[in-house]
Amino acid sequence: MHGRELHGLLHPFLLLLIFERAGHGYALIDRLKAMGLPDVEPGHVYRVLRGLERERLLISGWETAGAGPARRCYQLTAKGRDDLRSCLAGLAQLHQVIGAGLQRSADAFAGSPGANPYAASRR
């Protein structure tokens, strides 16, 4: 997938990661990479985090404990949990639609010798 398709997933995935465990920006970026989003630009992640905070889905505060500079730590609000539930319901519906499309494509390609519908095409 390309970055632009994945950008729309940052909102729900950041909410999910913060729901699991509060965190600061770079830790969240590392956790996004572990979810399969390896090429996320830090600047974009921070813009999304600020937007989620403006919408009152997150709150943040400075964490000064430990070595190194202070870091902004993000936590989910009750409104953020409600938004996450809504996002997850939409993603579950999208999952069903994509699954149906992938099954149709696999069925359509089944008769083609050596054809893999999921292989990237060469132009």
PDB file of N, CA and C in Angstrom:
ATOM      1  N   MET A   1       0.846  -1.184   0.000  1.00  0.00           N
ATOM      2  CA  MET A   1       0.000   0.000   0.000  1.00  0.00           C
ATOM      3  C   MET A   1       0.882   1.234   0.000  1.00  0.00           C
ATOM      4  N   HIS A   2       0.317   2.290  -0.487  1.00  0.00           N
ATOM      5  CA  HIS A   2       1.021   3.553  -0.543  1.00  0.00           C
ATOM      6  C   HIS A   2       0.683   4.394   0.679  1.00  0.00           C
ATOM      7  N   GLY A   3       1.519   5.366   0.953  1.00  0.00           N
ATOM      8  CA  GLY A   3       1.348   6.216   2.118  1.00  0.00           C
ATOM      9  C   GLY A   3       0.007   6.900   2.190  1.00  0.00           C
ATOM     10  N   ARG A   4      -0.519   7.336   1.051  1.00  0.00           N
ATOM     11  CA  ARG A   4      -1.783   8.082   1.101  1.00  0.00           C
ATOM     12  C   ARG A   4      -2.950   7.212   1.558  1.00  0.00           C
ATOM     13  N   GLU A   5      -2.932   5.912   1.239  1.00  0.00           N
ATOM     14  CA  GLU A   5      -4.002   5.029   1.722  1.00  0.00           C
ATOM     15  C   GLU A   5      -3.885   4.814   3.230  1.00  0.00           C
ATOM     16  N   LEU A   6      -2.659   4.811   3.707  1.00  0.00           N
ATOM     17  CA  LEU A   6      -2.428   4.540   5.121  1.00  0.00           C
ATOM     18  C   LEU A   6      -2.640   5.769   5.997  1.00  0.00           C
ATOM     19  N   HIS A   7      -2.523   6.969   5.413  1.00  0.00           N
ATOM     20  CA  HIS A   7      -2.694   8.185   6.214  1.00  0.00           C
ATOM     21  C   HIS A   7      -4.047   8.224   6.907  1.00  0.00           C
ATOM     22  N   GLY A   8      -5.085   7.744   6.243  1.00  0.00           N
ATOM     23  CA  GLY A   8      -6.406   7.738   6.840  1.00  0.00           C
ATOM     24  C   GLY A   8      -6.525   6.802   8.032  1.00  0.00           C
ATOM     25  N   LEU A   9      -5.576   5.885   8.147  1.00  0.00           N
ATOM     26  CA  LEU A   9      -5.600   4.948   9.269  1.00  0.00           C
ATOM     27  C   LEU A   9      -4.904   5.494  10.507  1.00  0.00           C
ATOM     28  N   LEU A  10      -4.174   6.581  10.362  1.00  0.00           N
ATOM     29  CA  LEU A  10      -3.451   7.116  11.518  1.00  0.00           C
ATOM     30  C   LEU A  10      -4.391   7.519  12.645  1.00  0.00           C
ATOM     31  N   HIS A  11      -5.481   8.161  12.304  1.00  0.00           N
ATOM     32  CA  HIS A  11      -6.447   8.602  13.328  1.00  0.00           C
ATOM     33  C   HIS A  11      -6.878   7.423  14.202  1.00  0.00           C
ATOM     34  N   PRO A  12      -7.506   6.372  13.614  1.00  0.00           N
ATOM     35  CA  PRO A  12      -7.950   5.278  14.483  1.00  0.00           C
ATOM     36  C   PRO A  12      -6.800   4.492  15.099  1.00  0.00           C
ATOM     37  N   PHE A  13      -5.694   4.313  14.367  1.00  0.00           N
ATOM     38  CA  PHE A  13      -4.598   3.525  14.920  1.00  0.00           C
ATOM     39  C   PHE A  13      -3.914   4.245  16.075  1.00  0.00           C
ATOM     40  N   LEU A  14      -3.755   5.552  15.989  1.00  0.00           N
ATOM     41  CA  LEU A  14      -3.182   6.291  17.117  1.00  0.00           C
ATOM     42  C   LEU A  14      -4.107   6.225  18.332  1.00  0.00           C
ATOM     43  N   LEU A  15      -5.405   6.376  18.093  1.00  0.00           N
ATOM     44  CA  LEU A  15      -6.344   6.246  19.216  1.00  0.00           C
ATOM     45  C   LEU A  15      -6.245   4.861  19.849  1.00  0.00           C
ATOM     46  N   LEU A  16      -6.161   3.840  19.024  1.00  0.00           N
ATOM     47  CA  LEU A  16      -6.054   2.468  19.534  1.00  0.00           C
ATOM     48  C   LEU A  16      -4.780   2.280  20.349  1.00  0.00           C
ATOM     49  N   LEU A  17      -3.654   2.733  19.815  1.00  0.00           N
ATOM     50  CA  LEU A  17      -2.393   2.571  20.532  1.00  0.00           C
ATOM     51  C   LEU A  17      -2.407   3.304  21.866  1.00  0.00           C
ATOM     52  N   ILE A  18      -2.990   4.498  21.877  1.00  0.00           N
ATOM     53  CA  ILE A  18      -3.044   5.281  23.115  1.00  0.00           C
ATOM     54  C   ILE A  18      -4.062   4.678  24.078  1.00  0.00           C
ATOM     55  N   PHE A  19      -5.127   4.074  23.553  1.00  0.00           N
ATOM     56  CA  PHE A  19      -6.083   3.356  24.403  1.00  0.00           C
ATOM     57  C   PHE A  19      -5.378   2.194  25.107  1.00  0.00           C
ATOM     58  N   GLU A  20      -4.535   1.480  24.355  1.00  0.00           N
ATOM     59  CA  GLU A  20      -3.784   0.365  24.944  1.00  0.00           C
ATOM     60  C   GLU A  20      -2.816   0.846  26.019  1.00  0.00           C
ATOM     61  N   ARG A  21      -2.134   1.969  25.707  1.00  0.00           N
ATOM     62  CA  ARG A  21      -1.114   2.472  26.633  1.00  0.00           C
ATOM     63  C   ARG A  21      -0.768   3.891  26.219  1.00  0.00           C
ATOM     64  N   ALA A  22      -0.831   4.816  27.160  1.00  0.00           N
ATOM     65  CA  ALA A  22      -0.444   6.200  26.885  1.00  0.00           C
ATOM     66  C   ALA A  22       0.993   6.215  26.380  1.00  0.00           C
ATOM     67  N   GLY A  23       1.321   7.201  25.562  1.00  0.00           N
ATOM     68  CA  GLY A  23       2.682   7.242  25.048  1.00  0.00           C
ATOM     69  C   GLY A  23       3.037   8.581  24.444  1.00  0.00           C
ATOM     70  N   HIS A  24       4.309   8.731  24.146  1.00  0.00           N
ATOM     71  CA  HIS A  24       4.786   9.945  23.491  1.00  0.00           C
ATOM     72  C   HIS A  24       4.984   9.665  22.002  1.00  0.00           C
ATOM     73  N   GLY A  25       5.197  10.717  21.243  1.00  0.00           N
ATOM     74  CA  GLY A  25       5.207  10.636  19.787  1.00  0.00           C
ATOM     75  C   GLY A  25       6.105   9.583  19.189  1.00  0.00           C
ATOM     76  N   TYR A  26       7.390   9.586  19.539  1.00  0.00           N
ATOM     77  CA  TYR A  26       8.302   8.632  18.905  1.00  0.00           C
ATOM     78  C   TYR A  26       7.998   7.195  19.301  1.00  0.00           C
ATOM     79  N   ALA A  27       7.547   6.976  20.528  1.00  0.00           N
ATOM     80  CA  ALA A  27       7.147   5.626  20.930  1.00  0.00           C
ATOM     81  C   ALA A  27       5.925   5.190  20.122  1.00  0.00           C
ATOM     82  N   LEU A  28       4.993   6.114  19.884  1.00  0.00           N
ATOM     83  CA  LEU A  28       3.816   5.786  19.080  1.00  0.00           C
ATOM     84  C   LEU A  28       4.217   5.472  17.636  1.00  0.00           C
ATOM     85  N   ILE A  29       5.178   6.207  17.108  1.00  0.00           N
ATOM     86  CA  ILE A  29       5.657   5.938  15.749  1.00  0.00           C
ATOM     87  C   ILE A  29       6.273   4.543  15.681  1.00  0.00           C
ATOM     88  N   ASP A  30       7.054   4.159  16.677  1.00  0.00           N
ATOM     89  CA  ASP A  30       7.626   2.812  16.717  1.00  0.00           C
ATOM     90  C   ASP A  30       6.530   1.755  16.775  1.00  0.00           C
ATOM     91  N   ARG A  31       5.495   2.022  17.545  1.00  0.00           N
ATOM     92  CA  ARG A  31       4.392   1.064  17.662  1.00  0.00           C
ATOM     93  C   ARG A  31       3.589   0.991  16.364  1.00  0.00           C
ATOM     94  N   LEU A  32       3.465   2.108  15.646  1.00  0.00           N
ATOM     95  CA  LEU A  32       2.817   2.088  14.326  1.00  0.00           C
ATOM     96  C   LEU A  32       3.617   1.214  13.360  1.00  0.00           C
ATOM     97  N   LYS A  33       4.939   1.339  13.409  1.00  0.00           N
ATOM     98  CA  LYS A  33       5.798   0.507  12.557  1.00  0.00           C
ATOM     99  C   LYS A  33       5.571  -0.966  12.860  1.00  0.00           C
ATOM    100  N   ALA A  34       5.447  -1.294  14.139  1.00  0.00           N
ATOM    101  CA  ALA A  34       5.210  -2.689  14.529  1.00  0.00           C
ATOM    102  C   ALA A  34       3.848  -3.190  14.045  1.00  0.00           C
ATOM    103  N   MET A  35       2.907  -2.263  13.799  1.00  0.00           N
ATOM    104  CA  MET A  35       1.584  -2.629  13.276  1.00  0.00           C
ATOM    105  C   MET A  35       1.607  -2.820  11.764  1.00  0.00           C
ATOM    106  N   GLY A  36       2.721  -2.486  11.122  1.00  0.00           N
ATOM    107  CA  GLY A  36       2.796  -2.634   9.674  1.00  0.00           C
ATOM    108  C   GLY A  36       2.766  -1.328   8.918  1.00  0.00           C
ATOM    109  N   LEU A  37       2.962  -0.209   9.600  1.00  0.00           N
ATOM    110  CA  LEU A  37       3.012   1.102   8.953  1.00  0.00           C
ATOM    111  C   LEU A  37       4.450   1.624   9.050  1.00  0.00           C
ATOM    112  N   PRO A  38       5.354   1.104   8.215  1.00  0.00           N
ATOM    113  CA  PRO A  38       6.775   1.403   8.392  1.00  0.00           C
ATOM    114  C   PRO A  38       7.217   2.789   7.934  1.00  0.00           C
ATOM    115  N   ASP A  39       6.517   3.402   7.011  1.00  0.00           N
ATOM    116  CA  ASP A  39       6.989   4.648   6.408  1.00  0.00           C
ATOM    117  C   ASP A  39       6.214   5.868   6.870  1.00  0.00           C
ATOM    118  N   VAL A  40       5.791   5.866   8.110  1.00  0.00           N
ATOM    119  CA  VAL A  40       5.024   6.991   8.629  1.00  0.00           C
ATOM    120  C   VAL A  40       5.978   8.145   8.919  1.00  0.00           C
ATOM    121  N   GLU A  41       5.649   9.311   8.399  1.00  0.00           N
ATOM    122  CA  GLU A  41       6.483  10.489   8.631  1.00  0.00           C
ATOM    123  C   GLU A  41       6.159  11.078  10.006  1.00  0.00           C
ATOM    124  N   PRO A  42       7.169  11.298  10.825  1.00  0.00           N
ATOM    125  CA  PRO A  42       6.927  11.850  12.166  1.00  0.00           C
ATOM    126  C   PRO A  42       6.127  13.155  12.136  1.00  0.00           C
ATOM    127  N   GLY A  43       6.420  14.028  11.199  1.00  0.00           N
ATOM    128  CA  GLY A  43       5.681  15.293  11.131  1.00  0.00           C
ATOM    129  C   GLY A  43       4.201  15.075  10.932  1.00  0.00           C
ATOM    130  N   HIS A  44       3.848  14.090  10.119  1.00  0.00           N
ATOM    131  CA  HIS A  44       2.430  13.804   9.890  1.00  0.00           C
ATOM    132  C   HIS A  44       1.785  13.235  11.149  1.00  0.00           C
ATOM    133  N   VAL A  45       2.503  12.357  11.835  1.00  0.00           N
ATOM    134  CA  VAL A  45       1.971  11.779  13.074  1.00  0.00           C
ATOM    135  C   VAL A  45       1.695  12.884  14.091  1.00  0.00           C
ATOM    136  N   TYR A  46       2.632  13.811  14.235  1.00  0.00           N
ATOM    137  CA  TYR A  46       2.444  14.895  15.202  1.00  0.00           C
ATOM    138  C   TYR A  46       1.293  15.813  14.800  1.00  0.00           C
ATOM    139  N   ARG A  47       1.099  16.031  13.496  1.00  0.00           N
ATOM    140  CA  ARG A  47      -0.052  16.840  13.059  1.00  0.00           C
ATOM    141  C   ARG A  47      -1.362  16.148  13.419  1.00  0.00           C
ATOM    142  N   VAL A  48      -1.411  14.838  13.208  1.00  0.00           N
ATOM    143  CA  VAL A  48      -2.622  14.080  13.554  1.00  0.00           C
ATOM    144  C   VAL A  48      -2.840  14.118  15.061  1.00  0.00           C
ATOM    145  N   LEU A  49      -1.795  13.928  15.836  1.00  0.00           N
ATOM    146  CA  LEU A  49      -1.923  13.983  17.302  1.00  0.00           C
ATOM    147  C   LEU A  49      -2.447  15.337  17.760  1.00  0.00           C
ATOM    148  N   ARG A  50      -1.933  16.423  17.194  1.00  0.00           N
ATOM    149  CA  ARG A  50      -2.424  17.761  17.569  1.00  0.00           C
ATOM    150  C   ARG A  50      -3.889  17.924  17.183  1.00  0.00           C
ATOM    151  N   GLY A  51      -4.269  17.395  16.021  1.00  0.00           N
ATOM    152  CA  GLY A  51      -5.669  17.465  15.608  1.00  0.00           C
ATOM    153  C   GLY A  51      -6.575  16.681  16.544  1.00  0.00           C
ATOM    154  N   LEU A  52      -6.135  15.493  16.953  1.00  0.00           N
ATOM    155  CA  LEU A  52      -6.918  14.681  17.893  1.00  0.00           C
ATOM    156  C   LEU A  52      -7.049  15.390  19.237  1.00  0.00           C
ATOM    157  N   GLU A  53      -6.007  16.097  19.615  1.00  0.00           N
ATOM    158  CA  GLU A  53      -6.065  16.849  20.866  1.00  0.00           C
ATOM    159  C   GLU A  53      -7.014  18.047  20.737  1.00  0.00           C
ATOM    160  N   ARG A  54      -6.974  18.737  19.581  1.00  0.00           N
ATOM    161  CA  ARG A  54      -7.904  19.862  19.366  1.00  0.00           C
ATOM    162  C   ARG A  54      -9.358  19.391  19.402  1.00  0.00           C
ATOM    163  N   GLU A  55      -9.596  18.163  18.915  1.00  0.00           N
ATOM    164  CA  GLU A  55     -10.946  17.594  18.942  1.00  0.00           C
ATOM    165  C   GLU A  55     -11.321  17.044  20.311  1.00  0.00           C
ATOM    166  N   ARG A  56     -10.402  17.162  21.254  1.00  0.00           N
ATOM    167  CA  ARG A  56     -10.583  16.688  22.630  1.00  0.00           C
ATOM    168  C   ARG A  56     -10.724  15.163  22.723  1.00  0.00           C
ATOM    169  N   LEU A  57     -10.101  14.466  21.773  1.00  0.00           N
ATOM    170  CA  LEU A  57     -10.070  13.013  21.810  1.00  0.00           C
ATOM    171  C   LEU A  57      -8.876  12.527  22.617  1.00  0.00           C
ATOM    172  N   LEU A  58      -7.884  13.404  22.751  1.00  0.00           N
ATOM    173  CA  LEU A  58      -6.683  13.141  23.529  1.00  0.00           C
ATOM    174  C   LEU A  58      -6.410  14.325  24.443  1.00  0.00           C
ATOM    175  N   ILE A  59      -5.680  14.038  25.491  1.00  0.00           N
ATOM    176  CA  ILE A  59      -5.073  15.108  26.288  1.00  0.00           C
ATOM    177  C   ILE A  59      -3.581  14.785  26.362  1.00  0.00           C
ATOM    178  N   SER A  60      -2.791  15.795  26.607  1.00  0.00           N
ATOM    179  CA  SER A  60      -1.360  15.546  26.710  1.00  0.00           C
ATOM    180  C   SER A  60      -0.782  16.366  27.847  1.00  0.00           C
ATOM    181  N   GLY A  61       0.351  15.922  28.303  1.00  0.00           N
ATOM    182  CA  GLY A  61       1.095  16.630  29.327  1.00  0.00           C
ATOM    183  C   GLY A  61       2.565  16.309  29.181  1.00  0.00           C
ATOM    184  N   TRP A  62       3.374  17.151  29.767  1.00  0.00           N
ATOM    185  CA  TRP A  62       4.815  16.952  29.663  1.00  0.00           C
ATOM    186  C   TRP A  62       5.285  15.928  30.675  1.00  0.00           C
ATOM    187  N   GLU A  63       6.043  14.965  30.205  1.00  0.00           N
ATOM    188  CA  GLU A  63       6.636  13.930  31.050  1.00  0.00           C
ATOM    189  C   GLU A  63       8.101  14.304  31.245  1.00  0.00           C
ATOM    190  N   THR A  64       8.476  14.553  32.487  1.00  0.00           N
ATOM    191  CA  THR A  64       9.839  15.018  32.761  1.00  0.00           C
ATOM    192  C   THR A  64      10.670  13.998  33.522  1.00  0.00           C
ATOM    193  N   ALA A  65      10.074  12.889  33.907  1.00  0.00           N
ATOM    194  CA  ALA A  65      10.805  11.870  34.661  1.00  0.00           C
ATOM    195  C   ALA A  65      11.811  11.175  33.746  1.00  0.00           C
ATOM    196  N   GLY A  66      12.917  10.766  34.305  1.00  0.00           N
ATOM    197  CA  GLY A  66      13.915  10.033  33.542  1.00  0.00           C
ATOM    198  C   GLY A  66      14.919  10.947  32.876  1.00  0.00           C
ATOM    199  N   ALA A  67      15.870  10.326  32.217  1.00  0.00           N
ATOM    200  CA  ALA A  67      16.928  11.075  31.549  1.00  0.00           C
ATOM    201  C   ALA A  67      16.409  11.649  30.235  1.00  0.00           C
ATOM    202  N   GLY A  68      17.046  12.673  29.776  1.00  0.00           N
ATOM    203  CA  GLY A  68      16.701  13.267  28.493  1.00  0.00           C
ATOM    204  C   GLY A  68      15.696  14.386  28.628  1.00  0.00           C
ATOM    205  N   PRO A  69      15.340  14.952  27.491  1.00  0.00           N
ATOM    206  CA  PRO A  69      14.410  16.093  27.500  1.00  0.00           C
ATOM    207  C   PRO A  69      12.985  15.672  27.848  1.00  0.00           C
ATOM    208  N   ALA A  70      12.196  16.642  28.229  1.00  0.00           N
ATOM    209  CA  ALA A  70      10.778  16.385  28.514  1.00  0.00           C
ATOM    210  C   ALA A  70      10.087  15.953  27.224  1.00  0.00           C
ATOM    211  N   ARG A  71       9.113  15.076  27.359  1.00  0.00           N
ATOM    212  CA  ARG A  71       8.363  14.578  26.197  1.00  0.00           C
ATOM    213  C   ARG A  71       6.875  14.741  26.466  1.00  0.00           C
ATOM    214  N   ARG A  72       6.143  15.061  25.416  1.00  0.00           N
ATOM    215  CA  ARG A  72       4.695  15.188  25.524  1.00  0.00           C
ATOM    216  C   ARG A  72       4.098  13.785  25.478  1.00  0.00           C
ATOM    217  N   CYS A  73       3.336  13.446  26.510  1.00  0.00           N
ATOM    218  CA  CYS A  73       2.721  12.127  26.625  1.00  0.00           C
ATOM    219  C   CYS A  73       1.219  12.270  26.390  1.00  0.00           C
ATOM    220  N   TYR A  74       0.680  11.417  25.548  1.00  0.00           N
ATOM    221  CA  TYR A  74      -0.732  11.496  25.142  1.00  0.00           C
ATOM    222  C   TYR A  74      -1.556  10.429  25.843  1.00  0.00           C
ATOM    223  N   GLN A  75      -2.772  10.834  26.250  1.00  0.00           N
ATOM    224  CA  GLN A  75      -3.730   9.924  26.878  1.00  0.00           C
ATOM    225  C   GLN A  75      -5.086  10.103  26.201  1.00  0.00           C
ATOM    226  N   LEU A  76      -5.861   9.038  26.181  1.00  0.00           N
ATOM    227  CA  LEU A  76      -7.182   9.060  25.573  1.00  0.00           C
ATOM    228  C   LEU A  76      -8.206   9.646  26.537  1.00  0.00           C
ATOM    229  N   THR A  77      -9.146  10.409  26.018  1.00  0.00           N
ATOM    230  CA  THR A  77     -10.261  10.927  26.817  1.00  0.00           C
ATOM    231  C   THR A  77     -11.466  10.008  26.627  1.00  0.00           C
ATOM    232  N   ALA A  78     -12.523  10.243  27.392  1.00  0.00           N
ATOM    233  CA  ALA A  78     -13.765   9.475  27.215  1.00  0.00           C
ATOM    234  C   ALA A  78     -14.316   9.702  25.800  1.00  0.00           C
ATOM    235  N   LYS A  79     -14.244  10.943  25.324  1.00  0.00           N
ATOM    236  CA  LYS A  79     -14.686  11.235  23.961  1.00  0.00           C
ATOM    237  C   LYS A  79     -13.823  10.480  22.950  1.00  0.00           C
ATOM    238  N   GLY A  80     -12.535  10.345  23.234  1.00  0.00           N
ATOM    239  CA  GLY A  80     -11.626   9.586  22.369  1.00  0.00           C
ATOM    240  C   GLY A  80     -11.984   8.116  22.313  1.00  0.00           C
ATOM    241  N   ARG A  81     -12.375   7.542  23.460  1.00  0.00           N
ATOM    242  CA  ARG A  81     -12.808   6.134  23.477  1.00  0.00           C
ATOM    243  C   ARG A  81     -14.063   5.946  22.632  1.00  0.00           C
ATOM    244  N   ASP A  82     -15.001   6.887  22.732  1.00  0.00           N
ATOM    245  CA  ASP A  82     -16.213   6.798  21.922  1.00  0.00           C
ATOM    246  C   ASP A  82     -15.883   6.903  20.437  1.00  0.00           C
ATOM    247  N   ASP A  83     -14.978   7.817  20.094  1.00  0.00           N
ATOM    248  CA  ASP A  83     -14.576   7.974  18.700  1.00  0.00           C
ATOM    249  C   ASP A  83     -13.861   6.719  18.201  1.00  0.00           C
ATOM    250  N   LEU A  84     -13.021   6.130  19.044  1.00  0.00           N
ATOM    251  CA  LEU A  84     -12.336   4.895  18.674  1.00  0.00           C
ATOM    252  C   LEU A  84     -13.344   3.791  18.377  1.00  0.00           C
ATOM    253  N   ARG A  85     -14.355   3.644  19.219  1.00  0.00           N
ATOM    254  CA  ARG A  85     -15.384   2.624  18.966  1.00  0.00           C
ATOM    255  C   ARG A  85     -16.062   2.857  17.617  1.00  0.00           C
ATOM    256  N   SER A  86     -16.377   4.089  17.324  1.00  0.00           N
ATOM    257  CA  SER A  86     -17.004   4.431  16.054  1.00  0.00           C
ATOM    258  C   SER A  86     -16.074   4.113  14.877  1.00  0.00           C
ATOM    259  N   CYS A  87     -14.803   4.487  15.018  1.00  0.00           N
ATOM    260  CA  CYS A  87     -13.825   4.193  13.965  1.00  0.00           C
ATOM    261  C   CYS A  87     -13.685   2.691  13.741  1.00  0.00           C
ATOM    262  N   LEU A  88     -13.641   1.929  14.822  1.00  0.00           N
ATOM    263  CA  LEU A  88     -13.474   0.483  14.708  1.00  0.00           C
ATOM    264  C   LEU A  88     -14.680  -0.164  14.044  1.00  0.00           C
ATOM    265  N   ALA A  89     -15.870   0.354  14.313  1.00  0.00           N
ATOM    266  CA  ALA A  89     -17.066  -0.171  13.641  1.00  0.00           C
ATOM    267  C   ALA A  89     -16.962   0.086  12.140  1.00  0.00           C
ATOM    268  N   GLY A  90     -16.510   1.268  11.758  1.00  0.00           N
ATOM    269  CA  GLY A  90     -16.330   1.572  10.337  1.00  0.00           C
ATOM    270  C   GLY A  90     -15.254   0.712   9.704  1.00  0.00           C
ATOM    271  N   LEU A  91     -14.153   0.488  10.425  1.00  0.00           N
ATOM    272  CA  LEU A  91     -13.093  -0.364   9.892  1.00  0.00           C
ATOM    273  C   LEU A  91     -13.547  -1.817   9.752  1.00  0.00           C
ATOM    274  N   ALA A  92     -14.372  -2.282  10.687  1.00  0.00           N
ATOM    275  CA  ALA A  92     -14.901  -3.646  10.589  1.00  0.00           C
ATOM    276  C   ALA A  92     -15.775  -3.786   9.343  1.00  0.00           C
ATOM    277  N   GLN A  93     -16.566  -2.774   9.061  1.00  0.00           N
ATOM    278  CA  GLN A  93     -17.397  -2.790   7.859  1.00  0.00           C
ATOM    279  C   GLN A  93     -16.517  -2.762   6.607  1.00  0.00           C
ATOM    280  N   LEU A  94     -15.478  -1.926   6.612  1.00  0.00           N
ATOM    281  CA  LEU A  94     -14.550  -1.860   5.490  1.00  0.00           C
ATOM    282  C   LEU A  94     -13.843  -3.199   5.299  1.00  0.00           C
ATOM    283  N   HIS A  95     -13.492  -3.850   6.396  1.00  0.00           N
ATOM    284  CA  HIS A  95     -12.849  -5.162   6.340  1.00  0.00           C
ATOM    285  C   HIS A  95     -13.740  -6.167   5.597  1.00  0.00           C
ATOM    286  N   GLN A  96     -15.034  -6.135   5.881  1.00  0.00           N
ATOM    287  CA  GLN A  96     -15.964  -7.046   5.199  1.00  0.00           C
ATOM    288  C   GLN A  96     -16.016  -6.760   3.706  1.00  0.00           C
ATOM    289  N   VAL A  97     -16.071  -5.487   3.344  1.00  0.00           N
ATOM    290  CA  VAL A  97     -16.143  -5.105   1.934  1.00  0.00           C
ATOM    291  C   VAL A  97     -14.859  -5.515   1.215  1.00  0.00           C
ATOM    292  N   ILE A  98     -13.710  -5.234   1.818  1.00  0.00           N
ATOM    293  CA  ILE A  98     -12.437  -5.596   1.203  1.00  0.00           C
ATOM    294  C   ILE A  98     -12.318  -7.109   1.087  1.00  0.00           C
ATOM    295  N   GLY A  99     -12.712  -7.825   2.138  1.00  0.00           N
ATOM    296  CA  GLY A  99     -12.674  -9.287   2.099  1.00  0.00           C
ATOM    297  C   GLY A  99     -13.519  -9.839   0.962  1.00  0.00           C
ATOM    298  N   ALA A 100     -14.702  -9.278   0.770  1.00  0.00           N
ATOM    299  CA  ALA A 100     -15.570  -9.729  -0.320  1.00  0.00           C
ATOM    300  C   ALA A 100     -14.917  -9.434  -1.673  1.00  0.00           C
ATOM    301  N   GLY A 101     -14.306  -8.267  -1.794  1.00  0.00           N
ATOM    302  CA  GLY A 101     -13.631  -7.918  -3.050  1.00  0.00           C
ATOM    303  C   GLY A 101     -12.443  -8.823  -3.332  1.00  0.00           C
ATOM    304  N   LEU A 102     -11.656  -9.119  -2.305  1.00  0.00           N
ATOM    305  CA  LEU A 102     -10.516 -10.009  -2.485  1.00  0.00           C
ATOM    306  C   LEU A 102     -10.960 -11.420  -2.850  1.00  0.00           C
ATOM    307  N   GLN A 103     -12.043 -11.888  -2.244  1.00  0.00           N
ATOM    308  CA  GLN A 103     -12.543 -13.217  -2.577  1.00  0.00           C
ATOM    309  C   GLN A 103     -13.015 -13.264  -4.022  1.00  0.00           C
ATOM    310  N   ARG A 104     -13.712 -12.224  -4.462  1.00  0.00           N
ATOM    311  CA  ARG A 104     -14.165 -12.170  -5.865  1.00  0.00           C
ATOM    312  C   ARG A 104     -12.985 -12.164  -6.817  1.00  0.00           C
ATOM    313  N   SER A 105     -11.943 -11.400  -6.474  1.00  0.00           N
ATOM    314  CA  SER A 105     -10.779 -11.352  -7.362  1.00  0.00           C
ATOM    315  C   SER A 105     -10.069 -12.697  -7.393  1.00  0.00           C
ATOM    316  N   ALA A 106      -9.956 -13.359  -6.252  1.00  0.00           N
ATOM    317  CA  ALA A 106      -9.334 -14.688  -6.225  1.00  0.00           C
ATOM    318  C   ALA A 106     -10.142 -15.665  -7.069  1.00  0.00           C
ATOM    319  N   ASP A 107     -11.467 -15.604  -6.967  1.00  0.00           N
ATOM    320  CA  ASP A 107     -12.323 -16.482  -7.769  1.00  0.00           C
ATOM    321  C   ASP A 107     -12.170 -16.184  -9.258  1.00  0.00           C
ATOM    322  N   ALA A 108     -12.102 -14.905  -9.599  1.00  0.00           N
ATOM    323  CA  ALA A 108     -11.988 -14.511 -11.005  1.00  0.00           C
ATOM    324  C   ALA A 108     -10.648 -14.944 -11.602  1.00  0.00           C
ATOM    325  N   PHE A 109      -9.587 -14.898 -10.811  1.00  0.00           N
ATOM    326  CA  PHE A 109      -8.264 -15.272 -11.295  1.00  0.00           C
ATOM    327  C   PHE A 109      -8.008 -16.776 -11.208  1.00  0.00           C
ATOM    328  N   ALA A 110      -8.875 -17.502 -10.528  1.00  0.00           N
ATOM    329  CA  ALA A 110      -8.637 -18.922 -10.287  1.00  0.00           C
ATOM    330  C   ALA A 110      -8.429 -19.704 -11.577  1.00  0.00           C
ATOM    331  N   GLY A 111      -9.092 -19.338 -12.647  1.00  0.00           N
ATOM    332  CA  GLY A 111      -8.955 -20.069 -13.905  1.00  0.00           C
ATOM    333  C   GLY A 111      -7.749 -19.676 -14.729  1.00  0.00           C
ATOM    334  N   SER A 112      -7.062 -18.635 -14.349  1.00  0.00           N
ATOM    335  CA  SER A 112      -5.889 -18.182 -15.109  1.00  0.00           C
ATOM    336  C   SER A 112      -4.653 -18.931 -14.646  1.00  0.00           C
ATOM    337  N   PRO A 113      -3.931 -19.570 -15.585  1.00  0.00           N
ATOM    338  CA  PRO A 113      -2.742 -20.329 -15.175  1.00  0.00           C
ATOM    339  C   PRO A 113      -1.656 -19.411 -14.614  1.00  0.00           C
ATOM    340  N   GLY A 114      -1.200 -19.744 -13.423  1.00  0.00           N
ATOM    341  CA  GLY A 114      -0.100 -19.015 -12.795  1.00  0.00           C
ATOM    342  C   GLY A 114      -0.408 -17.594 -12.399  1.00  0.00           C
ATOM    343  N   ALA A 115      -1.655 -17.180 -12.458  1.00  0.00           N
ATOM    344  CA  ALA A 115      -2.007 -15.797 -12.136  1.00  0.00           C
ATOM    345  C   ALA A 115      -2.199 -15.659 -10.638  1.00  0.00           C
ATOM    346  N   ASN A 116      -1.547 -14.687 -10.088  1.00  0.00           N
ATOM    347  CA  ASN A 116      -1.712 -14.357  -8.676  1.00  0.00           C
ATOM    348  C   ASN A 116      -2.360 -12.966  -8.630  1.00  0.00           C
ATOM    349  N   PRO A 117      -3.619 -12.867  -8.206  1.00  0.00           N
ATOM    350  CA  PRO A 117      -4.274 -11.570  -8.232  1.00  0.00           C
ATOM    351  C   PRO A 117      -3.652 -10.550  -7.275  1.00  0.00           C
ATOM    352  N   TYR A 118      -2.832 -11.024  -6.353  1.00  0.00           N
ATOM    353  CA  TYR A 118      -2.276 -10.112  -5.349  1.00  0.00           C
ATOM    354  C   TYR A 118      -0.844  -9.685  -5.676  1.00  0.00           C
ATOM    355  N   ALA A 119      -0.292 -10.202  -6.775  1.00  0.00           N
ATOM    356  CA  ALA A 119       1.056  -9.791  -7.182  1.00  0.00           C
ATOM    357  C   ALA A 119       0.980  -8.426  -7.851  1.00  0.00           C
ATOM    358  N   ALA A 120       1.943  -7.579  -7.567  1.00  0.00           N
ATOM    359  CA  ALA A 120       1.973  -6.254  -8.192  1.00  0.00           C
ATOM    360  C   ALA A 120       2.201  -6.413  -9.682  1.00  0.00           C
ATOM    361  N   SER A 121       1.459  -5.663 -10.464  1.00  0.00           N
ATOM    362  CA  SER A 121       1.618  -5.741 -11.916  1.00  0.00           C
ATOM    363  C   SER A 121       2.825  -4.941 -12.346  1.00  0.00           C
ATOM    364  N   ARG A 122       3.444  -5.378 -13.428  1.00  0.00           N
ATOM    365  CA  ARG A 122       4.587  -4.669 -14.004  1.00  0.00           C
ATOM    366  C   ARG A 122       4.107  -3.977 -15.268  1.00  0.00           C
ATOM    367  N   ARG A 123       4.406  -2.705 -15.358  1.00  0.00           N
ATOM    368  CA  ARG A 123       3.958  -1.939 -16.532  1.00  0.00           C
ATOM    369  C   ARG A 123       5.119  -1.554 -17.374  1.00  0.00           C
TER     370      ARG A 123
END
